[in-house]
Amino acid sequence: MSPVHRSKSAAPKGTSGSSGLAGADWFNMAGEAWWMWAEAASVIAMRSMLIAFERPGHGREAQRMVSEKLAAAFSLSQRLATMPPPSPEQAMRTMLAVYSPRVTANRRRLTRRLRRT
């Protein structure tokens, strides 16, 4: 029995078909989501330290944290509302596109800030 070969157009719904493996794109997105979670955990730890130990600018950091969360949630909801009903894969990609760059930027900024003080 020979293996089944699929073209990109024959890929199962919800997959990109680029790798030939149905779950490969979800596997990659899971890796991206895990990395974002790990970075978010470090951001939470750094912000908690700034606020708990009342480092200079801790009040501004708390305000920034809340305003950034609201802005990111609004941005994601706006993107999802202006696109046709997304597949689960599209919704996940959109979420990663909105949140990942913000989390990475916060991790870099807070790391630089904590190294200075």
PDB file of N, CA and C in Angstrom:
ATOM      1  N   MET A   1       0.834  -1.161   0.000  1.00  0.00           N
ATOM      2  CA  MET A   1       0.000   0.000   0.000  1.00  0.00           C
ATOM      3  C   MET A   1       0.893   1.243   0.000  1.00  0.00           C
ATOM      4  N   SER A   2       0.682   2.167  -0.913  1.00  0.00           N
ATOM      5  CA  SER A   2       1.512   3.359  -1.008  1.00  0.00           C
ATOM      6  C   SER A   2       0.961   4.468  -0.123  1.00  0.00           C
ATOM      7  N   PRO A   3       1.841   5.383   0.353  1.00  0.00           N
ATOM      8  CA  PRO A   3       1.369   6.482   1.192  1.00  0.00           C
ATOM      9  C   PRO A   3       0.497   7.435   0.385  1.00  0.00           C
ATOM     10  N   VAL A   4      -0.394   8.102   1.079  1.00  0.00           N
ATOM     11  CA  VAL A   4      -1.281   9.073   0.444  1.00  0.00           C
ATOM     12  C   VAL A   4      -0.553  10.405   0.371  1.00  0.00           C
ATOM     13  N   HIS A   5      -0.526  10.997  -0.799  1.00  0.00           N
ATOM     14  CA  HIS A   5       0.090  12.307  -0.983  1.00  0.00           C
ATOM     15  C   HIS A   5      -1.009  13.316  -1.238  1.00  0.00           C
ATOM     16  N   ARG A   6      -0.971  14.427  -0.503  1.00  0.00           N
ATOM     17  CA  ARG A   6      -1.979  15.466  -0.668  1.00  0.00           C
ATOM     18  C   ARG A   6      -1.339  16.724  -1.213  1.00  0.00           C
ATOM     19  N   SER A   7      -2.057  17.394  -2.032  1.00  0.00           N
ATOM     20  CA  SER A   7      -1.612  18.713  -2.484  1.00  0.00           C
ATOM     21  C   SER A   7      -2.047  19.722  -1.438  1.00  0.00           C
ATOM     22  N   LYS A   8      -1.568  20.953  -1.554  1.00  0.00           N
ATOM     23  CA  LYS A   8      -1.976  21.992  -0.608  1.00  0.00           C
ATOM     24  C   LYS A   8      -3.483  22.186  -0.625  1.00  0.00           C
ATOM     25  N   SER A   9      -4.091  22.083  -1.782  1.00  0.00           N
ATOM     26  CA  SER A   9      -5.533  22.295  -1.865  1.00  0.00           C
ATOM     27  C   SER A   9      -6.303  21.160  -1.197  1.00  0.00           C
ATOM     28  N   ALA A  10      -5.671  20.018  -1.000  1.00  0.00           N
ATOM     29  CA  ALA A  10      -6.347  18.882  -0.379  1.00  0.00           C
ATOM     30  C   ALA A  10      -6.051  18.784   1.112  1.00  0.00           C
ATOM     31  N   ALA A  11      -5.404  19.788   1.677  1.00  0.00           N
ATOM     32  CA  ALA A  11      -5.090  19.755   3.099  1.00  0.00           C
ATOM     33  C   ALA A  11      -6.370  19.786   3.914  1.00  0.00           C
ATOM     34  N   PRO A  12      -6.379  19.107   5.049  1.00  0.00           N
ATOM     35  CA  PRO A  12      -7.567  19.120   5.892  1.00  0.00           C
ATOM     36  C   PRO A  12      -7.916  20.538   6.314  1.00  0.00           C
ATOM     37  N   LYS A  13      -9.210  20.784   6.501  1.00  0.00           N
ATOM     38  CA  LYS A  13      -9.671  22.110   6.910  1.00  0.00           C
ATOM     39  C   LYS A  13      -9.011  22.504   8.223  1.00  0.00           C
ATOM     40  N   GLY A  14      -8.540  23.758   8.306  1.00  0.00           N
ATOM     41  CA  GLY A  14      -7.906  24.240   9.522  1.00  0.00           C
ATOM     42  C   GLY A  14      -6.402  24.055   9.544  1.00  0.00           C
ATOM     43  N   THR A  15      -5.835  23.531   8.460  1.00  0.00           N
ATOM     44  CA  THR A  15      -4.386  23.388   8.398  1.00  0.00           C
ATOM     45  C   THR A  15      -3.876  24.124   7.181  1.00  0.00           C
ATOM     46  N   SER A  16      -2.617  24.430   7.194  1.00  0.00           N
ATOM     47  CA  SER A  16      -2.059  25.168   6.062  1.00  0.00           C
ATOM     48  C   SER A  16      -1.665  24.242   4.924  1.00  0.00           C
ATOM     49  N   GLY A  17      -1.419  22.995   5.214  1.00  0.00           N
ATOM     50  CA  GLY A  17      -1.017  22.060   4.175  1.00  0.00           C
ATOM     51  C   GLY A  17       0.420  22.220   3.746  1.00  0.00           C
ATOM     52  N   SER A  18       1.159  23.148   4.344  1.00  0.00           N
ATOM     53  CA  SER A  18       2.515  23.415   3.885  1.00  0.00           C
ATOM     54  C   SER A  18       3.503  22.320   4.268  1.00  0.00           C
ATOM     55  N   SER A  19       3.237  21.583   5.318  1.00  0.00           N
ATOM     56  CA  SER A  19       4.210  20.593   5.751  1.00  0.00           C
ATOM     57  C   SER A  19       3.842  19.177   5.352  1.00  0.00           C
ATOM     58  N   GLY A  20       2.624  18.958   4.924  1.00  0.00           N
ATOM     59  CA  GLY A  20       2.194  17.622   4.601  1.00  0.00           C
ATOM     60  C   GLY A  20       1.683  16.872   5.821  1.00  0.00           C
ATOM     61  N   LEU A  21       1.882  17.419   6.995  1.00  0.00           N
ATOM     62  CA  LEU A  21       1.382  16.809   8.221  1.00  0.00           C
ATOM     63  C   LEU A  21       0.225  17.639   8.744  1.00  0.00           C
ATOM     64  N   ALA A  22      -0.895  16.991   8.972  1.00  0.00           N
ATOM     65  CA  ALA A  22      -2.108  17.712   9.349  1.00  0.00           C
ATOM     66  C   ALA A  22      -1.937  18.539  10.621  1.00  0.00           C
ATOM     67  N   GLY A  23      -1.247  18.030  11.612  1.00  0.00           N
ATOM     68  CA  GLY A  23      -1.117  18.742  12.873  1.00  0.00           C
ATOM     69  C   GLY A  23       0.110  19.610  12.993  1.00  0.00           C
ATOM     70  N   ALA A  24       0.933  19.671  11.963  1.00  0.00           N
ATOM     71  CA  ALA A  24       2.209  20.391  12.061  1.00  0.00           C
ATOM     72  C   ALA A  24       2.010  21.874  12.341  1.00  0.00           C
ATOM     73  N   ASP A  25       1.040  22.517  11.686  1.00  0.00           N
ATOM     74  CA  ASP A  25       0.834  23.942  11.901  1.00  0.00           C
ATOM     75  C   ASP A  25       0.343  24.198  13.326  1.00  0.00           C
ATOM     76  N   TRP A  26      -0.546  23.332  13.814  1.00  0.00           N
ATOM     77  CA  TRP A  26      -1.004  23.468  15.196  1.00  0.00           C
ATOM     78  C   TRP A  26       0.144  23.240  16.160  1.00  0.00           C
ATOM     79  N   PHE A  27       1.019  22.315  15.841  1.00  0.00           N
ATOM     80  CA  PHE A  27       2.183  22.062  16.686  1.00  0.00           C
ATOM     81  C   PHE A  27       3.063  23.302  16.753  1.00  0.00           C
ATOM     82  N   ASN A  28       3.291  23.939  15.610  1.00  0.00           N
ATOM     83  CA  ASN A  28       4.102  25.164  15.570  1.00  0.00           C
ATOM     84  C   ASN A  28       3.437  26.289  16.355  1.00  0.00           C
ATOM     85  N   MET A  29       2.120  26.436  16.191  1.00  0.00           N
ATOM     86  CA  MET A  29       1.406  27.476  16.935  1.00  0.00           C
ATOM     87  C   MET A  29       1.453  27.200  18.431  1.00  0.00           C
ATOM     88  N   ALA A  30       1.383  25.930  18.817  1.00  0.00           N
ATOM     89  CA  ALA A  30       1.480  25.589  20.238  1.00  0.00           C
ATOM     90  C   ALA A  30       2.846  25.997  20.780  1.00  0.00           C
ATOM     91  N   GLY A  31       3.886  25.793  19.992  1.00  0.00           N
ATOM     92  CA  GLY A  31       5.221  26.223  20.395  1.00  0.00           C
ATOM     93  C   GLY A  31       5.312  27.730  20.543  1.00  0.00           C
ATOM     94  N   GLU A  32       4.726  28.449  19.599  1.00  0.00           N
ATOM     95  CA  GLU A  32       4.709  29.915  19.678  1.00  0.00           C
ATOM     96  C   GLU A  32       3.932  30.382  20.899  1.00  0.00           C
ATOM     97  N   ALA A  33       2.787  29.742  21.149  1.00  0.00           N
ATOM     98  CA  ALA A  33       1.971  30.111  22.308  1.00  0.00           C
ATOM     99  C   ALA A  33       2.722  29.800  23.613  1.00  0.00           C
ATOM    100  N   TRP A  34       3.425  28.672  23.664  1.00  0.00           N
ATOM    101  CA  TRP A  34       4.179  28.330  24.864  1.00  0.00           C
ATOM    102  C   TRP A  34       5.269  29.369  25.102  1.00  0.00           C
ATOM    103  N   TRP A  35       5.971  29.753  24.059  1.00  0.00           N
ATOM    104  CA  TRP A  35       7.041  30.749  24.215  1.00  0.00           C
ATOM    105  C   TRP A  35       6.462  32.069  24.694  1.00  0.00           C
ATOM    106  N   MET A  36       5.312  32.477  24.139  1.00  0.00           N
ATOM    107  CA  MET A  36       4.678  33.712  24.571  1.00  0.00           C
ATOM    108  C   MET A  36       4.302  33.603  26.051  1.00  0.00           C
ATOM    109  N   TRP A  37       3.781  32.437  26.475  1.00  0.00           N
ATOM    110  CA  TRP A  37       3.429  32.229  27.874  1.00  0.00           C
ATOM    111  C   TRP A  37       4.671  32.366  28.748  1.00  0.00           C
ATOM    112  N   ALA A  38       5.783  31.777  28.338  1.00  0.00           N
ATOM    113  CA  ALA A  38       7.018  31.844  29.124  1.00  0.00           C
ATOM    114  C   ALA A  38       7.489  33.295  29.250  1.00  0.00           C
ATOM    115  N   GLU A  39       7.430  34.038  28.157  1.00  0.00           N
ATOM    116  CA  GLU A  39       7.815  35.447  28.221  1.00  0.00           C
ATOM    117  C   GLU A  39       6.853  36.229  29.109  1.00  0.00           C
ATOM    118  N   ALA A  40       5.569  35.931  29.005  1.00  0.00           N
ATOM    119  CA  ALA A  40       4.570  36.618  29.830  1.00  0.00           C
ATOM    120  C   ALA A  40       4.822  36.347  31.307  1.00  0.00           C
ATOM    121  N   ALA A  41       5.210  35.124  31.647  1.00  0.00           N
ATOM    122  CA  ALA A  41       5.515  34.800  33.036  1.00  0.00           C
ATOM    123  C   ALA A  41       6.688  35.630  33.544  1.00  0.00           C
ATOM    124  N   SER A  42       7.697  35.835  32.701  1.00  0.00           N
ATOM    125  CA  SER A  42       8.838  36.650  33.135  1.00  0.00           C
ATOM    126  C   SER A  42       8.437  38.119  33.263  1.00  0.00           C
ATOM    127  N   VAL A  43       7.559  38.589  32.388  1.00  0.00           N
ATOM    128  CA  VAL A  43       7.064  39.969  32.481  1.00  0.00           C
ATOM    129  C   VAL A  43       6.282  40.147  33.786  1.00  0.00           C
ATOM    130  N   ILE A  44       5.435  39.182  34.116  1.00  0.00           N
ATOM    131  CA  ILE A  44       4.666  39.254  35.362  1.00  0.00           C
ATOM    132  C   ILE A  44       5.611  39.302  36.560  1.00  0.00           C
ATOM    133  N   ALA A  45       6.633  38.465  36.538  1.00  0.00           N
ATOM    134  CA  ALA A  45       7.588  38.437  37.654  1.00  0.00           C
ATOM    135  C   ALA A  45       8.321  39.772  37.785  1.00  0.00           C
ATOM    136  N   MET A  46       8.775  40.328  36.655  1.00  0.00           N
ATOM    137  CA  MET A  46       9.510  41.599  36.717  1.00  0.00           C
ATOM    138  C   MET A  46       8.605  42.737  37.172  1.00  0.00           C
ATOM    139  N   ARG A  47       7.379  42.775  36.656  1.00  0.00           N
ATOM    140  CA  ARG A  47       6.462  43.831  37.080  1.00  0.00           C
ATOM    141  C   ARG A  47       6.106  43.677  38.552  1.00  0.00           C
ATOM    142  N   SER A  48       5.903  42.457  38.987  1.00  0.00           N
ATOM    143  CA  SER A  48       5.587  42.217  40.407  1.00  0.00           C
ATOM    144  C   SER A  48       6.721  42.717  41.296  1.00  0.00           C
ATOM    145  N   MET A  49       7.961  42.464  40.874  1.00  0.00           N
ATOM    146  CA  MET A  49       9.107  42.913  41.646  1.00  0.00           C
ATOM    147  C   MET A  49       9.149  44.442  41.717  1.00  0.00           C
ATOM    148  N   LEU A  50       8.931  45.092  40.580  1.00  0.00           N
ATOM    149  CA  LEU A  50       8.942  46.563  40.562  1.00  0.00           C
ATOM    150  C   LEU A  50       7.887  47.134  41.496  1.00  0.00           C
ATOM    151  N   ILE A  51       6.701  46.557  41.446  1.00  0.00           N
ATOM    152  CA  ILE A  51       5.597  47.082  42.246  1.00  0.00           C
ATOM    153  C   ILE A  51       5.754  46.715  43.717  1.00  0.00           C
ATOM    154  N   ALA A  52       6.104  45.462  44.011  1.00  0.00           N
ATOM    155  CA  ALA A  52       6.216  45.005  45.406  1.00  0.00           C
ATOM    156  C   ALA A  52       7.312  45.731  46.171  1.00  0.00           C
ATOM    157  N   PHE A  53       8.429  45.973  45.498  1.00  0.00           N
ATOM    158  CA  PHE A  53       9.551  46.631  46.173  1.00  0.00           C
ATOM    159  C   PHE A  53       9.538  48.147  45.969  1.00  0.00           C
ATOM    160  N   GLU A  54       8.450  48.646  45.391  1.00  0.00           N
ATOM    161  CA  GLU A  54       8.261  50.081  45.169  1.00  0.00           C
ATOM    162  C   GLU A  54       9.487  50.731  44.540  1.00  0.00           C
ATOM    163  N   ARG A  55       9.965  50.090  43.469  1.00  0.00           N
ATOM    164  CA  ARG A  55      11.077  50.654  42.715  1.00  0.00           C
ATOM    165  C   ARG A  55      10.611  51.947  42.057  1.00  0.00           C
ATOM    166  N   PRO A  56      11.525  52.840  41.714  1.00  0.00           N
ATOM    167  CA  PRO A  56      11.124  54.092  41.057  1.00  0.00           C
ATOM    168  C   PRO A  56      10.261  53.820  39.825  1.00  0.00           C
ATOM    169  N   GLY A  57       9.153  54.521  39.736  1.00  0.00           N
ATOM    170  CA  GLY A  57       8.254  54.380  38.596  1.00  0.00           C
ATOM    171  C   GLY A  57       7.277  53.220  38.716  1.00  0.00           C
ATOM    172  N   HIS A  58       7.168  52.623  39.907  1.00  0.00           N
ATOM    173  CA  HIS A  58       6.284  51.467  40.040  1.00  0.00           C
ATOM    174  C   HIS A  58       4.817  51.817  39.785  1.00  0.00           C
ATOM    175  N   GLY A  59       4.395  53.016  40.150  1.00  0.00           N
ATOM    176  CA  GLY A  59       3.016  53.437  39.897  1.00  0.00           C
ATOM    177  C   GLY A  59       2.736  53.565  38.404  1.00  0.00           C
ATOM    178  N   ARG A  60       3.685  54.164  37.686  1.00  0.00           N
ATOM    179  CA  ARG A  60       3.537  54.284  36.223  1.00  0.00           C
ATOM    180  C   ARG A  60       3.494  52.908  35.576  1.00  0.00           C
ATOM    181  N   GLU A  61       4.303  51.990  36.096  1.00  0.00           N
ATOM    182  CA  GLU A  61       4.330  50.636  35.527  1.00  0.00           C
ATOM    183  C   GLU A  61       2.987  49.941  35.726  1.00  0.00           C
ATOM    184  N   ALA A  62       2.381  50.118  36.884  1.00  0.00           N
ATOM    185  CA  ALA A  62       1.067  49.514  37.136  1.00  0.00           C
ATOM    186  C   ALA A  62       0.013  50.102  36.191  1.00  0.00           C
ATOM    187  N   GLN A  63       0.053  51.416  35.994  1.00  0.00           N
ATOM    188  CA  GLN A  63      -0.885  52.056  35.065  1.00  0.00           C
ATOM    189  C   GLN A  63      -0.639  51.581  33.637  1.00  0.00           C
ATOM    190  N   ARG A  64       0.627  51.488  33.275  1.00  0.00           N
ATOM    191  CA  ARG A  64       0.970  51.032  31.930  1.00  0.00           C
ATOM    192  C   ARG A  64       0.472  49.611  31.696  1.00  0.00           C
ATOM    193  N   MET A  65       0.636  48.751  32.695  1.00  0.00           N
ATOM    194  CA  MET A  65       0.204  47.367  32.587  1.00  0.00           C
ATOM    195  C   MET A  65      -1.296  47.296  32.277  1.00  0.00           C
ATOM    196  N   VAL A  66      -2.096  48.040  33.006  1.00  0.00           N
ATOM    197  CA  VAL A  66      -3.547  48.004  32.801  1.00  0.00           C
ATOM    198  C   VAL A  66      -3.912  48.584  31.441  1.00  0.00           C
ATOM    199  N   SER A  67      -3.327  49.718  31.078  1.00  0.00           N
ATOM    200  CA  SER A  67      -3.671  50.333  29.790  1.00  0.00           C
ATOM    201  C   SER A  67      -3.227  49.457  28.616  1.00  0.00           C
ATOM    202  N   GLU A  68      -2.071  48.787  28.737  1.00  0.00           N
ATOM    203  CA  GLU A  68      -1.611  47.896  27.663  1.00  0.00           C
ATOM    204  C   GLU A  68      -2.531  46.688  27.507  1.00  0.00           C
ATOM    205  N   LYS A  69      -2.992  46.148  28.618  1.00  0.00           N
ATOM    206  CA  LYS A  69      -3.907  45.003  28.545  1.00  0.00           C
ATOM    207  C   LYS A  69      -5.206  45.394  27.855  1.00  0.00           C
ATOM    208  N   LEU A  70      -5.740  46.553  28.197  1.00  0.00           N
ATOM    209  CA  LEU A  70      -6.970  47.019  27.560  1.00  0.00           C
ATOM    210  C   LEU A  70      -6.759  47.287  26.074  1.00  0.00           C
ATOM    211  N   ALA A  71      -5.637  47.897  25.737  1.00  0.00           N
ATOM    212  CA  ALA A  71      -5.348  48.188  24.326  1.00  0.00           C
ATOM    213  C   ALA A  71      -5.180  46.908  23.520  1.00  0.00           C
ATOM    214  N   ALA A  72      -4.497  45.933  24.075  1.00  0.00           N
ATOM    215  CA  ALA A  72      -4.301  44.659  23.364  1.00  0.00           C
ATOM    216  C   ALA A  72      -5.627  43.927  23.181  1.00  0.00           C
ATOM    217  N   ALA A  73      -6.438  43.898  24.210  1.00  0.00           N
ATOM    218  CA  ALA A  73      -7.745  43.227  24.106  1.00  0.00           C
ATOM    219  C   ALA A  73      -8.623  43.927  23.072  1.00  0.00           C
ATOM    220  N   PHE A  74      -8.603  45.267  23.063  1.00  0.00           N
ATOM    221  CA  PHE A  74      -9.378  46.008  22.076  1.00  0.00           C
ATOM    222  C   PHE A  74      -8.860  45.735  20.671  1.00  0.00           C
ATOM    223  N   SER A  75      -7.544  45.718  20.499  1.00  0.00           N
ATOM    224  CA  SER A  75      -6.952  45.463  19.191  1.00  0.00           C
ATOM    225  C   SER A  75      -7.340  44.084  18.673  1.00  0.00           C
ATOM    226  N   LEU A  76      -7.271  43.080  19.537  1.00  0.00           N
ATOM    227  CA  LEU A  76      -7.648  41.731  19.128  1.00  0.00           C
ATOM    228  C   LEU A  76      -9.130  41.653  18.772  1.00  0.00           C
ATOM    229  N   SER A  77      -9.977  42.230  19.607  1.00  0.00           N
ATOM    230  CA  SER A  77     -11.414  42.173  19.316  1.00  0.00           C
ATOM    231  C   SER A  77     -11.746  42.923  18.036  1.00  0.00           C
ATOM    232  N   GLN A  78     -11.064  44.034  17.790  1.00  0.00           N
ATOM    233  CA  GLN A  78     -11.282  44.795  16.560  1.00  0.00           C
ATOM    234  C   GLN A  78     -10.868  43.985  15.339  1.00  0.00           C
ATOM    235  N   ARG A  79      -9.711  43.325  15.416  1.00  0.00           N
ATOM    236  CA  ARG A  79      -9.263  42.500  14.286  1.00  0.00           C
ATOM    237  C   ARG A  79     -10.223  41.353  14.016  1.00  0.00           C
ATOM    238  N   LEU A  80     -10.653  40.684  15.082  1.00  0.00           N
ATOM    239  CA  LEU A  80     -11.560  39.551  14.902  1.00  0.00           C
ATOM    240  C   LEU A  80     -12.924  40.000  14.385  1.00  0.00           C
ATOM    241  N   ALA A  81     -13.371  41.189  14.800  1.00  0.00           N
ATOM    242  CA  ALA A  81     -14.678  41.689  14.373  1.00  0.00           C
ATOM    243  C   ALA A  81     -14.684  42.138  12.917  1.00  0.00           C
ATOM    244  N   THR A  82     -13.524  42.525  12.391  1.00  0.00           N
ATOM    245  CA  THR A  82     -13.475  43.052  11.024  1.00  0.00           C
ATOM    246  C   THR A  82     -13.098  42.004   9.988  1.00  0.00           C
ATOM    247  N   MET A  83     -12.904  40.761  10.426  1.00  0.00           N
ATOM    248  CA  MET A  83     -12.578  39.706   9.469  1.00  0.00           C
ATOM    249  C   MET A  83     -13.756  38.748   9.363  1.00  0.00           C
ATOM    250  N   PRO A  84     -13.812  38.010   8.272  1.00  0.00           N
ATOM    251  CA  PRO A  84     -14.879  37.004   8.184  1.00  0.00           C
ATOM    252  C   PRO A  84     -14.726  36.011   9.339  1.00  0.00           C
ATOM    253  N   PRO A  85     -15.772  35.267   9.663  1.00  0.00           N
ATOM    254  CA  PRO A  85     -15.649  34.324  10.780  1.00  0.00           C
ATOM    255  C   PRO A  85     -14.390  33.469  10.627  1.00  0.00           C
ATOM    256  N   PRO A  86     -13.474  33.581  11.601  1.00  0.00           N
ATOM    257  CA  PRO A  86     -12.198  32.874  11.454  1.00  0.00           C
ATOM    258  C   PRO A  86     -12.304  31.400  11.829  1.00  0.00           C
ATOM    259  N   SER A  87     -11.440  30.628  11.224  1.00  0.00           N
ATOM    260  CA  SER A  87     -11.283  29.246  11.654  1.00  0.00           C
ATOM    261  C   SER A  87     -10.548  29.285  12.992  1.00  0.00           C
ATOM    262  N   PRO A  88     -10.543  28.200  13.741  1.00  0.00           N
ATOM    263  CA  PRO A  88      -9.769  28.196  14.986  1.00  0.00           C
ATOM    264  C   PRO A  88      -8.296  28.540  14.749  1.00  0.00           C
ATOM    265  N   GLU A  89      -7.753  28.052  13.638  1.00  0.00           N
ATOM    266  CA  GLU A  89      -6.355  28.344  13.308  1.00  0.00           C
ATOM    267  C   GLU A  89      -6.153  29.842  13.063  1.00  0.00           C
ATOM    268  N   GLN A  90      -7.066  30.465  12.314  1.00  0.00           N
ATOM    269  CA  GLN A  90      -6.955  31.905  12.052  1.00  0.00           C
ATOM    270  C   GLN A  90      -7.099  32.712  13.341  1.00  0.00           C
ATOM    271  N   ALA A  91      -8.007  32.290  14.209  1.00  0.00           N
ATOM    272  CA  ALA A  91      -8.190  32.997  15.481  1.00  0.00           C
ATOM    273  C   ALA A  91      -6.920  32.916  16.323  1.00  0.00           C
ATOM    274  N   MET A  92      -6.304  31.747  16.347  1.00  0.00           N
ATOM    275  CA  MET A  92      -5.067  31.562  17.113  1.00  0.00           C
ATOM    276  C   MET A  92      -3.937  32.403  16.517  1.00  0.00           C
ATOM    277  N   ARG A  93      -3.806  32.384  15.197  1.00  0.00           N
ATOM    278  CA  ARG A  93      -2.766  33.195  14.529  1.00  0.00           C
ATOM    279  C   ARG A  93      -2.976  34.682  14.827  1.00  0.00           C
ATOM    280  N   THR A  94      -4.229  35.126  14.784  1.00  0.00           N
ATOM    281  CA  THR A  94      -4.532  36.531  15.052  1.00  0.00           C
ATOM    282  C   THR A  94      -4.169  36.887  16.486  1.00  0.00           C
ATOM    283  N   MET A  95      -4.517  36.027  17.425  1.00  0.00           N
ATOM    284  CA  MET A  95      -4.193  36.271  18.827  1.00  0.00           C
ATOM    285  C   MET A  95      -2.677  36.356  19.011  1.00  0.00           C
ATOM    286  N   LEU A  96      -1.953  35.422  18.423  1.00  0.00           N
ATOM    287  CA  LEU A  96      -0.492  35.449  18.545  1.00  0.00           C
ATOM    288  C   LEU A  96       0.094  36.708  17.909  1.00  0.00           C
ATOM    289  N   ALA A  97      -0.474  37.133  16.783  1.00  0.00           N
ATOM    290  CA  ALA A  97       0.027  38.334  16.095  1.00  0.00           C
ATOM    291  C   ALA A  97      -0.186  39.588  16.932  1.00  0.00           C
ATOM    292  N   VAL A  98      -1.249  39.622  17.729  1.00  0.00           N
ATOM    293  CA  VAL A  98      -1.525  40.793  18.560  1.00  0.00           C
ATOM    294  C   VAL A  98      -0.691  40.760  19.841  1.00  0.00           C
ATOM    295  N   TYR A  99      -0.696  39.635  20.538  1.00  0.00           N
ATOM    296  CA  TYR A  99      -0.093  39.585  21.867  1.00  0.00           C
ATOM    297  C   TYR A  99       1.411  39.327  21.885  1.00  0.00           C
ATOM    298  N   SER A 100       1.927  38.481  21.021  1.00  0.00           N
ATOM    299  CA  SER A 100       3.346  38.114  21.087  1.00  0.00           C
ATOM    300  C   SER A 100       4.300  39.306  20.979  1.00  0.00           C
ATOM    301  N   PRO A 101       4.117  40.195  19.998  1.00  0.00           N
ATOM    302  CA  PRO A 101       5.063  41.333  19.919  1.00  0.00           C
ATOM    303  C   PRO A 101       5.004  42.231  21.153  1.00  0.00           C
ATOM    304  N   ARG A 102       3.838  42.367  21.737  1.00  0.00           N
ATOM    305  CA  ARG A 102       3.693  43.215  22.929  1.00  0.00           C
ATOM    306  C   ARG A 102       4.393  42.582  24.127  1.00  0.00           C
ATOM    307  N   VAL A 103       4.217  41.286  24.280  1.00  0.00           N
ATOM    308  CA  VAL A 103       4.857  40.584  25.399  1.00  0.00           C
ATOM    309  C   VAL A 103       6.374  40.646  25.248  1.00  0.00           C
ATOM    310  N   THR A 104       6.868  40.408  24.042  1.00  0.00           N
ATOM    311  CA  THR A 104       8.312  40.456  23.797  1.00  0.00           C
ATOM    312  C   THR A 104       8.865  41.854  24.071  1.00  0.00           C
ATOM    313  N   ALA A 105       8.167  42.882  23.623  1.00  0.00           N
ATOM    314  CA  ALA A 105       8.617  44.258  23.855  1.00  0.00           C
ATOM    315  C   ALA A 105       8.660  44.572  25.351  1.00  0.00           C
ATOM    316  N   ASN A 106       7.656  44.129  26.092  1.00  0.00           N
ATOM    317  CA  ASN A 106       7.653  44.364  27.541  1.00  0.00           C
ATOM    318  C   ASN A 106       8.800  43.625  28.228  1.00  0.00           C
ATOM    319  N   ARG A 107       9.047  42.383  27.825  1.00  0.00           N
ATOM    320  CA  ARG A 107      10.149  41.640  28.430  1.00  0.00           C
ATOM    321  C   ARG A 107      11.473  42.347  28.191  1.00  0.00           C
ATOM    322  N   ARG A 108      11.705  42.804  26.975  1.00  0.00           N
ATOM    323  CA  ARG A 108      12.963  43.509  26.656  1.00  0.00           C
ATOM    324  C   ARG A 108      13.076  44.812  27.440  1.00  0.00           C
ATOM    325  N   ARG A 109      11.998  45.576  27.464  1.00  0.00           N
ATOM    326  CA  ARG A 109      12.019  46.869  28.151  1.00  0.00           C
ATOM    327  C   ARG A 109      12.253  46.695  29.646  1.00  0.00           C
ATOM    328  N   LEU A 110      11.539  45.754  30.259  1.00  0.00           N
ATOM    329  CA  LEU A 110      11.686  45.549  31.693  1.00  0.00           C
ATOM    330  C   LEU A 110      13.056  44.970  32.039  1.00  0.00           C
ATOM    331  N   THR A 111      13.580  44.106  31.185  1.00  0.00           N
ATOM    332  CA  THR A 111      14.919  43.553  31.427  1.00  0.00           C
ATOM    333  C   THR A 111      15.952  44.672  31.417  1.00  0.00           C
ATOM    334  N   ARG A 112      15.877  45.563  30.424  1.00  0.00           N
ATOM    335  CA  ARG A 112      16.814  46.701  30.370  1.00  0.00           C
ATOM    336  C   ARG A 112      16.643  47.584  31.615  1.00  0.00           C
ATOM    337  N   ARG A 113      15.402  47.831  31.978  1.00  0.00           N
ATOM    338  CA  ARG A 113      15.125  48.709  33.121  1.00  0.00           C
ATOM    339  C   ARG A 113      15.688  48.130  34.413  1.00  0.00           C
ATOM    340  N   LEU A 114      15.481  46.845  34.632  1.00  0.00           N
ATOM    341  CA  LEU A 114      15.965  46.222  35.866  1.00  0.00           C
ATOM    342  C   LEU A 114      17.484  46.120  35.900  1.00  0.00           C
ATOM    343  N   ARG A 115      18.113  46.046  34.753  1.00  0.00           N
ATOM    344  CA  ARG A 115      19.579  46.007  34.726  1.00  0.00           C
ATOM    345  C   ARG A 115      20.173  47.367  35.098  1.00  0.00           C
ATOM    346  N   ARG A 116      19.446  48.441  34.778  1.00  0.00           N
ATOM    347  CA  ARG A 116      19.936  49.790  35.088  1.00  0.00           C
ATOM    348  C   ARG A 116      19.845  50.107  36.564  1.00  0.00           C
ATOM    349  N   THR A 117      18.833  49.549  37.243  1.00  0.00           N
ATOM    350  CA  THR A 117      18.620  49.941  38.647  1.00  0.00           C
ATOM    351  C   THR A 117      19.307  49.002  39.600  1.00  0.00           C
TER     352      THR A 117
END
